[in-house]
Amino acid sequence: MMSRVSSTTIVSAGHDRAAAAFRAVRAQPGWVRRLAALVALIVVGLPILALVLLAAIVAVVVLAVRALRDALVRWVGGLLPRRDGRANVRVIERGER
């Protein structure tokens, strides 16, 4: 027969482990806590900072390439004769109604 474990037991066990870890950290000297916080910041913060910087660099490069492409298209368009799309169209002027 299987024994049933309720969610309260699982949460309670997780809470007990977290409380024990918190007590262990509080029992350490101040410099150990500061060192642990610094290591945690380096381990978590540096990859996030690197990803944000990489995203910013990619965004700047993409926007610069698009801006250069648009400027080139406008420049080439200025060299070509203008066509406003009215070839073979007759405009009928009507009097006022």
PDB file of N, CA and C in Angstrom:
ATOM      1  N   MET A   1       0.840  -1.163   0.000  1.00  0.00           N
ATOM      2  CA  MET A   1       0.000   0.000   0.000  1.00  0.00           C
ATOM      3  C   MET A   1       0.897   1.242   0.000  1.00  0.00           C
ATOM      4  N   MET A   2       0.518   2.242  -0.833  1.00  0.00           N
ATOM      5  CA  MET A   2       1.315   3.467  -0.949  1.00  0.00           C
ATOM      6  C   MET A   2       0.928   4.452   0.148  1.00  0.00           C
ATOM      7  N   SER A   3       1.915   5.082   0.688  1.00  0.00           N
ATOM      8  CA  SER A   3       1.616   6.116   1.677  1.00  0.00           C
ATOM      9  C   SER A   3       1.406   7.437   0.940  1.00  0.00           C
ATOM     10  N   ARG A   4       0.524   8.228   1.413  1.00  0.00           N
ATOM     11  CA  ARG A   4       0.216   9.509   0.778  1.00  0.00           C
ATOM     12  C   ARG A   4       0.960  10.623   1.512  1.00  0.00           C
ATOM     13  N   VAL A   5       1.547  11.502   0.729  1.00  0.00           N
ATOM     14  CA  VAL A   5       2.249  12.650   1.287  1.00  0.00           C
ATOM     15  C   VAL A   5       1.447  13.873   0.900  1.00  0.00           C
ATOM     16  N   SER A   6       1.032  14.625   1.858  1.00  0.00           N
ATOM     17  CA  SER A   6       0.226  15.802   1.551  1.00  0.00           C
ATOM     18  C   SER A   6       1.126  16.971   1.163  1.00  0.00           C
ATOM     19  N   SER A   7       0.516  17.941   0.514  1.00  0.00           N
ATOM     20  CA  SER A   7       1.290  19.112   0.106  1.00  0.00           C
ATOM     21  C   SER A   7       1.770  19.894   1.320  1.00  0.00           C
ATOM     22  N   THR A   8       1.033  19.812   2.415  1.00  0.00           N
ATOM     23  CA  THR A   8       1.450  20.500   3.641  1.00  0.00           C
ATOM     24  C   THR A   8       2.766  19.934   4.146  1.00  0.00           C
ATOM     25  N   THR A   9       2.937  18.624   4.036  1.00  0.00           N
ATOM     26  CA  THR A   9       4.180  17.995   4.472  1.00  0.00           C
ATOM     27  C   THR A   9       5.339  18.448   3.594  1.00  0.00           C
ATOM     28  N   ILE A  10       5.110  18.530   2.281  1.00  0.00           N
ATOM     29  CA  ILE A  10       6.175  18.938   1.361  1.00  0.00           C
ATOM     30  C   ILE A  10       6.546  20.397   1.618  1.00  0.00           C
ATOM     31  N   VAL A  11       5.547  21.258   1.759  1.00  0.00           N
ATOM     32  CA  VAL A  11       5.822  22.669   2.026  1.00  0.00           C
ATOM     33  C   VAL A  11       6.529  22.822   3.358  1.00  0.00           C
ATOM     34  N   SER A  12       6.079  22.065   4.351  1.00  0.00           N
ATOM     35  CA  SER A  12       6.701  22.145   5.664  1.00  0.00           C
ATOM     36  C   SER A  12       8.155  21.695   5.599  1.00  0.00           C
ATOM     37  N   ALA A  13       8.430  20.624   4.857  1.00  0.00           N
ATOM     38  CA  ALA A  13       9.814  20.153   4.732  1.00  0.00           C
ATOM     39  C   ALA A  13      10.672  21.195   4.019  1.00  0.00           C
ATOM     40  N   GLY A  14      10.128  21.806   2.962  1.00  0.00           N
ATOM     41  CA  GLY A  14      10.870  22.855   2.257  1.00  0.00           C
ATOM     42  C   GLY A  14      11.109  24.061   3.139  1.00  0.00           C
ATOM     43  N   HIS A  15      10.111  24.412   3.928  1.00  0.00           N
ATOM     44  CA  HIS A  15      10.250  25.533   4.852  1.00  0.00           C
ATOM     45  C   HIS A  15      11.317  25.240   5.898  1.00  0.00           C
ATOM     46  N   ASP A  16      11.323  24.014   6.398  1.00  0.00           N
ATOM     47  CA  ASP A  16      12.323  23.638   7.403  1.00  0.00           C
ATOM     48  C   ASP A  16      13.735  23.712   6.836  1.00  0.00           C
ATOM     49  N   ARG A  17      13.911  23.242   5.589  1.00  0.00           N
ATOM     50  CA  ARG A  17      15.243  23.303   4.965  1.00  0.00           C
ATOM     51  C   ARG A  17      15.669  24.756   4.750  1.00  0.00           C
ATOM     52  N   ALA A  18      14.737  25.594   4.294  1.00  0.00           N
ATOM     53  CA  ALA A  18      15.060  27.011   4.077  1.00  0.00           C
ATOM     54  C   ALA A  18      15.401  27.689   5.400  1.00  0.00           C
ATOM     55  N   ALA A  19      14.658  27.372   6.435  1.00  0.00           N
ATOM     56  CA  ALA A  19      14.936  27.963   7.748  1.00  0.00           C
ATOM     57  C   ALA A  19      16.300  27.517   8.257  1.00  0.00           C
ATOM     58  N   ALA A  20      16.641  26.251   8.049  1.00  0.00           N
ATOM     59  CA  ALA A  20      17.954  25.761   8.483  1.00  0.00           C
ATOM     60  C   ALA A  20      19.071  26.453   7.710  1.00  0.00           C
ATOM     61  N   ALA A  21      18.872  26.645   6.409  1.00  0.00           N
ATOM     62  CA  ALA A  21      19.884  27.335   5.606  1.00  0.00           C
ATOM     63  C   ALA A  21      20.024  28.784   6.069  1.00  0.00           C
ATOM     64  N   PHE A  22      18.901  29.435   6.360  1.00  0.00           N
ATOM     65  CA  PHE A  22      18.942  30.817   6.835  1.00  0.00           C
ATOM     66  C   PHE A  22      19.679  30.917   8.165  1.00  0.00           C
ATOM     67  N   ARG A  23      19.404  29.980   9.055  1.00  0.00           N
ATOM     68  CA  ARG A  23      20.094  29.979  10.349  1.00  0.00           C
ATOM     69  C   ARG A  23      21.592  29.740  10.169  1.00  0.00           C
ATOM     70  N   ALA A  24      21.970  28.877   9.218  1.00  0.00           N
ATOM     71  CA  ALA A  24      23.386  28.601   8.979  1.00  0.00           C
ATOM     72  C   ALA A  24      24.090  29.841   8.438  1.00  0.00           C
ATOM     73  N   VAL A  25      23.406  30.571   7.584  1.00  0.00           N
ATOM     74  CA  VAL A  25      24.006  31.794   7.040  1.00  0.00           C
ATOM     75  C   VAL A  25      24.135  32.846   8.134  1.00  0.00           C
ATOM     76  N   ARG A  26      23.102  32.983   8.965  1.00  0.00           N
ATOM     77  CA  ARG A  26      23.145  33.972  10.038  1.00  0.00           C
ATOM     78  C   ARG A  26      24.248  33.667  11.059  1.00  0.00           C
ATOM     79  N   ALA A  27      24.633  32.390  11.181  1.00  0.00           N
ATOM     80  CA  ALA A  27      25.648  32.005  12.164  1.00  0.00           C
ATOM     81  C   ALA A  27      27.060  32.319  11.676  1.00  0.00           C
ATOM     82  N   GLN A  28      27.219  32.632  10.405  1.00  0.00           N
ATOM     83  CA  GLN A  28      28.545  32.902   9.856  1.00  0.00           C
ATOM     84  C   GLN A  28      28.994  34.316  10.217  1.00  0.00           C
ATOM     85  N   PRO A  29      30.314  34.537  10.216  1.00  0.00           N
ATOM     86  CA  PRO A  29      30.824  35.899  10.448  1.00  0.00           C
ATOM     87  C   PRO A  29      30.398  36.827   9.299  1.00  0.00           C
ATOM     88  N   GLY A  30      30.453  38.123   9.553  1.00  0.00           N
ATOM     89  CA  GLY A  30      30.008  39.114   8.575  1.00  0.00           C
ATOM     90  C   GLY A  30      30.757  39.049   7.259  1.00  0.00           C
ATOM     91  N   TRP A  31      32.064  38.827   7.309  1.00  0.00           N
ATOM     92  CA  TRP A  31      32.834  38.818   6.072  1.00  0.00           C
ATOM     93  C   TRP A  31      32.460  37.623   5.197  1.00  0.00           C
ATOM     94  N   VAL A  32      32.054  36.517   5.795  1.00  0.00           N
ATOM     95  CA  VAL A  32      31.648  35.346   5.012  1.00  0.00           C
ATOM     96  C   VAL A  32      30.340  35.651   4.291  1.00  0.00           C
ATOM     97  N   ARG A  33      29.411  36.311   4.982  1.00  0.00           N
ATOM     98  CA  ARG A  33      28.141  36.677   4.346  1.00  0.00           C
ATOM     99  C   ARG A  33      28.367  37.653   3.203  1.00  0.00           C
ATOM    100  N   ARG A  34      29.247  38.631   3.431  1.00  0.00           N
ATOM    101  CA  ARG A  34      29.535  39.596   2.365  1.00  0.00           C
ATOM    102  C   ARG A  34      30.199  38.916   1.179  1.00  0.00           C
ATOM    103  N   LEU A  35      31.119  37.985   1.443  1.00  0.00           N
ATOM    104  CA  LEU A  35      31.776  37.253   0.371  1.00  0.00           C
ATOM    105  C   LEU A  35      30.770  36.387  -0.390  1.00  0.00           C
ATOM    106  N   ALA A  36      29.871  35.740   0.331  1.00  0.00           N
ATOM    107  CA  ALA A  36      28.851  34.917  -0.327  1.00  0.00           C
ATOM    108  C   ALA A  36      27.926  35.776  -1.178  1.00  0.00           C
ATOM    109  N   ALA A  37      27.563  36.944  -0.672  1.00  0.00           N
ATOM    110  CA  ALA A  37      26.708  37.845  -1.447  1.00  0.00           C
ATOM    111  C   ALA A  37      27.429  38.336  -2.698  1.00  0.00           C
ATOM    112  N   LEU A  38      28.726  38.641  -2.569  1.00  0.00           N
ATOM    113  CA  LEU A  38      29.506  39.092  -3.715  1.00  0.00           C
ATOM    114  C   LEU A  38      29.617  37.988  -4.763  1.00  0.00           C
ATOM    115  N   VAL A  39      29.884  36.765  -4.325  1.00  0.00           N
ATOM    116  CA  VAL A  39      29.985  35.636  -5.268  1.00  0.00           C
ATOM    117  C   VAL A  39      28.643  35.407  -5.951  1.00  0.00           C
ATOM    118  N   ALA A  40      27.553  35.477  -5.183  1.00  0.00           N
ATOM    119  CA  ALA A  40      26.224  35.303  -5.778  1.00  0.00           C
ATOM    120  C   ALA A  40      25.945  36.398  -6.789  1.00  0.00           C
ATOM    121  N   LEU A  41      26.326  37.621  -6.482  1.00  0.00           N
ATOM    122  CA  LEU A  41      26.135  38.732  -7.410  1.00  0.00           C
ATOM    123  C   LEU A  41      26.948  38.528  -8.678  1.00  0.00           C
ATOM    124  N   ILE A  42      28.170  38.050  -8.540  1.00  0.00           N
ATOM    125  CA  ILE A  42      29.001  37.794  -9.716  1.00  0.00           C
ATOM    126  C   ILE A  42      28.420  36.665 -10.555  1.00  0.00           C
ATOM    127  N   VAL A  43      27.998  35.594  -9.892  1.00  0.00           N
ATOM    128  CA  VAL A  43      27.489  34.424 -10.622  1.00  0.00           C
ATOM    129  C   VAL A  43      26.180  34.751 -11.333  1.00  0.00           C
ATOM    130  N   VAL A  44      25.315  35.546 -10.709  1.00  0.00           N
ATOM    131  CA  VAL A  44      24.017  35.858 -11.305  1.00  0.00           C
ATOM    132  C   VAL A  44      24.074  37.159 -12.108  1.00  0.00           C
ATOM    133  N   GLY A  45      24.732  38.154 -11.583  1.00  0.00           N
ATOM    134  CA  GLY A  45      24.714  39.476 -12.192  1.00  0.00           C
ATOM    135  C   GLY A  45      25.529  39.604 -13.459  1.00  0.00           C
ATOM    136  N   LEU A  46      26.695  39.005 -13.507  1.00  0.00           N
ATOM    137  CA  LEU A  46      27.538  39.148 -14.694  1.00  0.00           C
ATOM    138  C   LEU A  46      26.917  38.530 -15.952  1.00  0.00           C
ATOM    139  N   PRO A  47      26.348  37.333 -15.882  1.00  0.00           N
ATOM    140  CA  PRO A  47      25.699  36.827 -17.100  1.00  0.00           C
ATOM    141  C   PRO A  47      24.520  37.686 -17.552  1.00  0.00           C
ATOM    142  N   ILE A  48      23.742  38.201 -16.603  1.00  0.00           N
ATOM    143  CA  ILE A  48      22.629  39.069 -16.978  1.00  0.00           C
ATOM    144  C   ILE A  48      23.155  40.355 -17.606  1.00  0.00           C
ATOM    145  N   LEU A  49      24.181  40.930 -17.027  1.00  0.00           N
ATOM    146  CA  LEU A  49      24.789  42.137 -17.587  1.00  0.00           C
ATOM    147  C   LEU A  49      25.357  41.867 -18.978  1.00  0.00           C
ATOM    148  N   ALA A  50      26.005  40.727 -19.149  1.00  0.00           N
ATOM    149  CA  ALA A  50      26.556  40.376 -20.463  1.00  0.00           C
ATOM    150  C   ALA A  50      25.448  40.223 -21.501  1.00  0.00           C
ATOM    151  N   LEU A  51      24.333  39.600 -21.128  1.00  0.00           N
ATOM    152  CA  LEU A  51      23.223  39.433 -22.070  1.00  0.00           C
ATOM    153  C   LEU A  51      22.592  40.778 -22.426  1.00  0.00           C
ATOM    154  N   VAL A  52      22.463  41.659 -21.451  1.00  0.00           N
ATOM    155  CA  VAL A  52      21.897  42.979 -21.725  1.00  0.00           C
ATOM    156  C   VAL A  52      22.819  43.775 -22.644  1.00  0.00           C
ATOM    157  N   LEU A  53      24.106  43.734 -22.384  1.00  0.00           N
ATOM    158  CA  LEU A  53      25.060  44.432 -23.254  1.00  0.00           C
ATOM    159  C   LEU A  53      25.062  43.852 -24.662  1.00  0.00           C
ATOM    160  N   LEU A  54      24.997  42.527 -24.769  1.00  0.00           N
ATOM    161  CA  LEU A  54      24.947  41.897 -26.084  1.00  0.00           C
ATOM    162  C   LEU A  54      23.690  42.316 -26.839  1.00  0.00           C
ATOM    163  N   ALA A  55      22.555  42.352 -26.160  1.00  0.00           N
ATOM    164  CA  ALA A  55      21.309  42.780 -26.797  1.00  0.00           C
ATOM    165  C   ALA A  55      21.401  44.237 -27.252  1.00  0.00           C
ATOM    166  N   ALA A  56      22.012  45.084 -26.442  1.00  0.00           N
ATOM    167  CA  ALA A  56      22.156  46.489 -26.817  1.00  0.00           C
ATOM    168  C   ALA A  56      23.069  46.643 -28.032  1.00  0.00           C
ATOM    169  N   ILE A  57      24.154  45.895 -28.082  1.00  0.00           N
ATOM    170  CA  ILE A  57      25.070  45.960 -29.221  1.00  0.00           C
ATOM    171  C   ILE A  57      24.372  45.478 -30.485  1.00  0.00           C
ATOM    172  N   VAL A  58      23.643  44.384 -30.386  1.00  0.00           N
ATOM    173  CA  VAL A  58      22.916  43.860 -31.555  1.00  0.00           C
ATOM    174  C   VAL A  58      21.878  44.878 -32.026  1.00  0.00           C
ATOM    175  N   ALA A  59      21.169  45.513 -31.094  1.00  0.00           N
ATOM    176  CA  ALA A  59      20.165  46.509 -31.467  1.00  0.00           C
ATOM    177  C   ALA A  59      20.798  47.692 -32.179  1.00  0.00           C
ATOM    178  N   VAL A  60      21.927  48.166 -31.672  1.00  0.00           N
ATOM    179  CA  VAL A  60      22.608  49.302 -32.308  1.00  0.00           C
ATOM    180  C   VAL A  60      23.077  48.919 -33.710  1.00  0.00           C
ATOM    181  N   VAL A  61      23.633  47.737 -33.872  1.00  0.00           N
ATOM    182  CA  VAL A  61      24.112  47.309 -35.185  1.00  0.00           C
ATOM    183  C   VAL A  61      22.946  47.180 -36.162  1.00  0.00           C
ATOM    184  N   VAL A  62      21.856  46.557 -35.728  1.00  0.00           N
ATOM    185  CA  VAL A  62      20.702  46.386 -36.620  1.00  0.00           C
ATOM    186  C   VAL A  62      20.132  47.738 -37.024  1.00  0.00           C
ATOM    187  N   LEU A  63      19.972  48.642 -36.062  1.00  0.00           N
ATOM    188  CA  LEU A  63      19.438  49.959 -36.390  1.00  0.00           C
ATOM    189  C   LEU A  63      20.376  50.743 -37.301  1.00  0.00           C
ATOM    190  N   ALA A  64      21.674  50.624 -37.099  1.00  0.00           N
ATOM    191  CA  ALA A  64      22.635  51.326 -37.951  1.00  0.00           C
ATOM    192  C   ALA A  64      22.590  50.784 -39.378  1.00  0.00           C
ATOM    193  N   VAL A  65      22.510  49.472 -39.521  1.00  0.00           N
ATOM    194  CA  VAL A  65      22.447  48.872 -40.858  1.00  0.00           C
ATOM    195  C   VAL A  65      21.163  49.304 -41.565  1.00  0.00           C
ATOM    196  N   ARG A  66      20.043  49.296 -40.837  1.00  0.00           N
ATOM    197  CA  ARG A  66      18.774  49.711 -41.456  1.00  0.00           C
ATOM    198  C   ARG A  66      18.817  51.186 -41.843  1.00  0.00           C
ATOM    199  N   ALA A  67      19.412  52.029 -41.012  1.00  0.00           N
ATOM    200  CA  ALA A  67      19.498  53.455 -41.322  1.00  0.00           C
ATOM    201  C   ALA A  67      20.372  53.680 -42.552  1.00  0.00           C
ATOM    202  N   LEU A  68      21.489  52.974 -42.639  1.00  0.00           N
ATOM    203  CA  LEU A  68      22.354  53.100 -43.810  1.00  0.00           C
ATOM    204  C   LEU A  68      21.657  52.599 -45.073  1.00  0.00           C
ATOM    205  N   ARG A  69      20.914  51.495 -44.940  1.00  0.00           N
ATOM    206  CA  ARG A  69      20.186  50.971 -46.100  1.00  0.00           C
ATOM    207  C   ARG A  69      19.125  51.965 -46.565  1.00  0.00           C
ATOM    208  N   ASP A  70      18.384  52.549 -45.637  1.00  0.00           N
ATOM    209  CA  ASP A  70      17.356  53.516 -46.007  1.00  0.00           C
ATOM    210  C   ASP A  70      17.971  54.760 -46.644  1.00  0.00           C
ATOM    211  N   ALA A  71      19.104  55.210 -46.110  1.00  0.00           N
ATOM    212  CA  ALA A  71      19.780  56.365 -46.702  1.00  0.00           C
ATOM    213  C   ALA A  71      20.257  56.044 -48.114  1.00  0.00           C
ATOM    214  N   LEU A  72      20.768  54.840 -48.318  1.00  0.00           N
ATOM    215  CA  LEU A  72      21.213  54.435 -49.648  1.00  0.00           C
ATOM    216  C   LEU A  72      20.043  54.357 -50.618  1.00  0.00           C
ATOM    217  N   VAL A  73      18.925  53.819 -50.175  1.00  0.00           N
ATOM    218  CA  VAL A  73      17.744  53.727 -51.048  1.00  0.00           C
ATOM    219  C   VAL A  73      17.251  55.122 -51.415  1.00  0.00           C
ATOM    220  N   ARG A  74      17.224  56.039 -50.452  1.00  0.00           N
ATOM    221  CA  ARG A  74      16.802  57.421 -50.753  1.00  0.00           C
ATOM    222  C   ARG A  74      17.776  58.092 -51.717  1.00  0.00           C
ATOM    223  N   TRP A  75      19.063  57.846 -51.535  1.00  0.00           N
ATOM    224  CA  TRP A  75      20.068  58.463 -52.408  1.00  0.00           C
ATOM    225  C   TRP A  75      19.936  57.938 -53.835  1.00  0.00           C
ATOM    226  N   VAL A  76      19.806  56.608 -53.965  1.00  0.00           N
ATOM    227  CA  VAL A  76      19.648  56.022 -55.299  1.00  0.00           C
ATOM    228  C   VAL A  76      18.321  56.476 -55.906  1.00  0.00           C
ATOM    229  N   GLY A  77      17.274  56.571 -55.104  1.00  0.00           N
ATOM    230  CA  GLY A  77      15.988  57.043 -55.603  1.00  0.00           C
ATOM    231  C   GLY A  77      16.052  58.471 -56.087  1.00  0.00           C
ATOM    232  N   GLY A  78      16.900  59.282 -55.495  1.00  0.00           N
ATOM    233  CA  GLY A  78      17.065  60.662 -55.939  1.00  0.00           C
ATOM    234  C   GLY A  78      17.797  60.768 -57.256  1.00  0.00           C
ATOM    235  N   LEU A  79      18.596  59.789 -57.598  1.00  0.00           N
ATOM    236  CA  LEU A  79      19.326  59.808 -58.861  1.00  0.00           C
ATOM    237  C   LEU A  79      18.444  59.409 -60.038  1.00  0.00           C
ATOM    238  N   LEU A  80      17.455  58.598 -59.782  1.00  0.00           N
ATOM    239  CA  LEU A  80      16.569  58.125 -60.839  1.00  0.00           C
ATOM    240  C   LEU A  80      15.505  59.169 -61.147  1.00  0.00           C
ATOM    241  N   PRO A  81      14.978  59.160 -62.392  1.00  0.00           N
ATOM    242  CA  PRO A  81      13.910  60.114 -62.698  1.00  0.00           C
ATOM    243  C   PRO A  81      12.662  59.813 -61.869  1.00  0.00           C
ATOM    244  N   ARG A  82      11.952  60.879 -61.514  1.00  0.00           N
ATOM    245  CA  ARG A  82      10.759  60.721 -60.679  1.00  0.00           C
ATOM    246  C   ARG A  82       9.590  60.261 -61.528  1.00  0.00           C
ATOM    247  N   ARG A  83       8.901  59.287 -61.009  1.00  0.00           N
ATOM    248  CA  ARG A  83       7.664  58.830 -61.636  1.00  0.00           C
ATOM    249  C   ARG A  83       6.630  58.770 -60.525  1.00  0.00           C
ATOM    250  N   ASP A  84       5.570  59.534 -60.685  1.00  0.00           N
ATOM    251  CA  ASP A  84       4.580  59.595 -59.623  1.00  0.00           C
ATOM    252  C   ASP A  84       3.443  58.603 -59.825  1.00  0.00           C
ATOM    253  N   GLY A  85       3.575  57.678 -60.789  1.00  0.00           N
ATOM    254  CA  GLY A  85       2.573  56.647 -60.966  1.00  0.00           C
ATOM    255  C   GLY A  85       1.388  57.086 -61.794  1.00  0.00           C
ATOM    256  N   ARG A  86       1.483  58.215 -62.535  1.00  0.00           N
ATOM    257  CA  ARG A  86       0.365  58.704 -63.320  1.00  0.00           C
ATOM    258  C   ARG A  86       0.569  58.502 -64.817  1.00  0.00           C
ATOM    259  N   ALA A  87       1.358  57.568 -65.202  1.00  0.00           N
ATOM    260  CA  ALA A  87       1.558  57.322 -66.633  1.00  0.00           C
ATOM    261  C   ALA A  87       0.256  56.788 -67.225  1.00  0.00           C
ATOM    262  N   ASN A  88      -0.094  57.286 -68.425  1.00  0.00           N
ATOM    263  CA  ASN A  88      -1.299  56.859 -69.141  1.00  0.00           C
ATOM    264  C   ASN A  88      -2.570  57.102 -68.335  1.00  0.00           C
ATOM    265  N   VAL A  89      -2.603  58.188 -67.602  1.00  0.00           N
ATOM    266  CA  VAL A  89      -3.798  58.553 -66.842  1.00  0.00           C
ATOM    267  C   VAL A  89      -4.218  59.942 -67.303  1.00  0.00           C
ATOM    268  N   ARG A  90      -5.493  60.069 -67.594  1.00  0.00           N
ATOM    269  CA  ARG A  90      -6.004  61.379 -67.984  1.00  0.00           C
ATOM    270  C   ARG A  90      -6.840  61.918 -66.833  1.00  0.00           C
ATOM    271  N   VAL A  91      -6.524  63.119 -66.400  1.00  0.00           N
ATOM    272  CA  VAL A  91      -7.252  63.746 -65.312  1.00  0.00           C
ATOM    273  C   VAL A  91      -8.352  64.602 -65.912  1.00  0.00           C
ATOM    274  N   ILE A  92      -9.583  64.348 -65.516  1.00  0.00           N
ATOM    275  CA  ILE A  92     -10.727  65.084 -66.030  1.00  0.00           C
ATOM    276  C   ILE A  92     -11.088  66.159 -65.020  1.00  0.00           C
ATOM    277  N   GLU A  93     -10.976  67.401 -65.461  1.00  0.00           N
ATOM    278  CA  GLU A  93     -11.341  68.523 -64.599  1.00  0.00           C
ATOM    279  C   GLU A  93     -12.829  68.762 -64.754  1.00  0.00           C
ATOM    280  N   ARG A  94     -13.534  68.757 -63.651  1.00  0.00           N
ATOM    281  CA  ARG A  94     -14.972  69.018 -63.669  1.00  0.00           C
ATOM    282  C   ARG A  94     -15.238  70.365 -63.028  1.00  0.00           C
ATOM    283  N   GLY A  95     -16.252  70.971 -63.464  1.00  0.00           N
ATOM    284  CA  GLY A  95     -16.624  72.273 -62.875  1.00  0.00           C
ATOM    285  C   GLY A  95     -17.181  72.063 -61.470  1.00  0.00           C
ATOM    286  N   GLU A  96     -17.403  73.182 -60.810  1.00  0.00           N
ATOM    287  CA  GLU A  96     -17.947  73.098 -59.441  1.00  0.00           C
ATOM    288  C   GLU A  96     -19.356  72.592 -59.461  1.00  0.00           C
ATOM    289  N   ARG A  97     -19.768  71.920 -58.468  1.00  0.00           N
ATOM    290  CA  ARG A  97     -21.139  71.384 -58.385  1.00  0.00           C
ATOM    291  C   ARG A  97     -22.052  72.317 -57.691  1.00  0.00           C
TER     292      ARG A  97
END
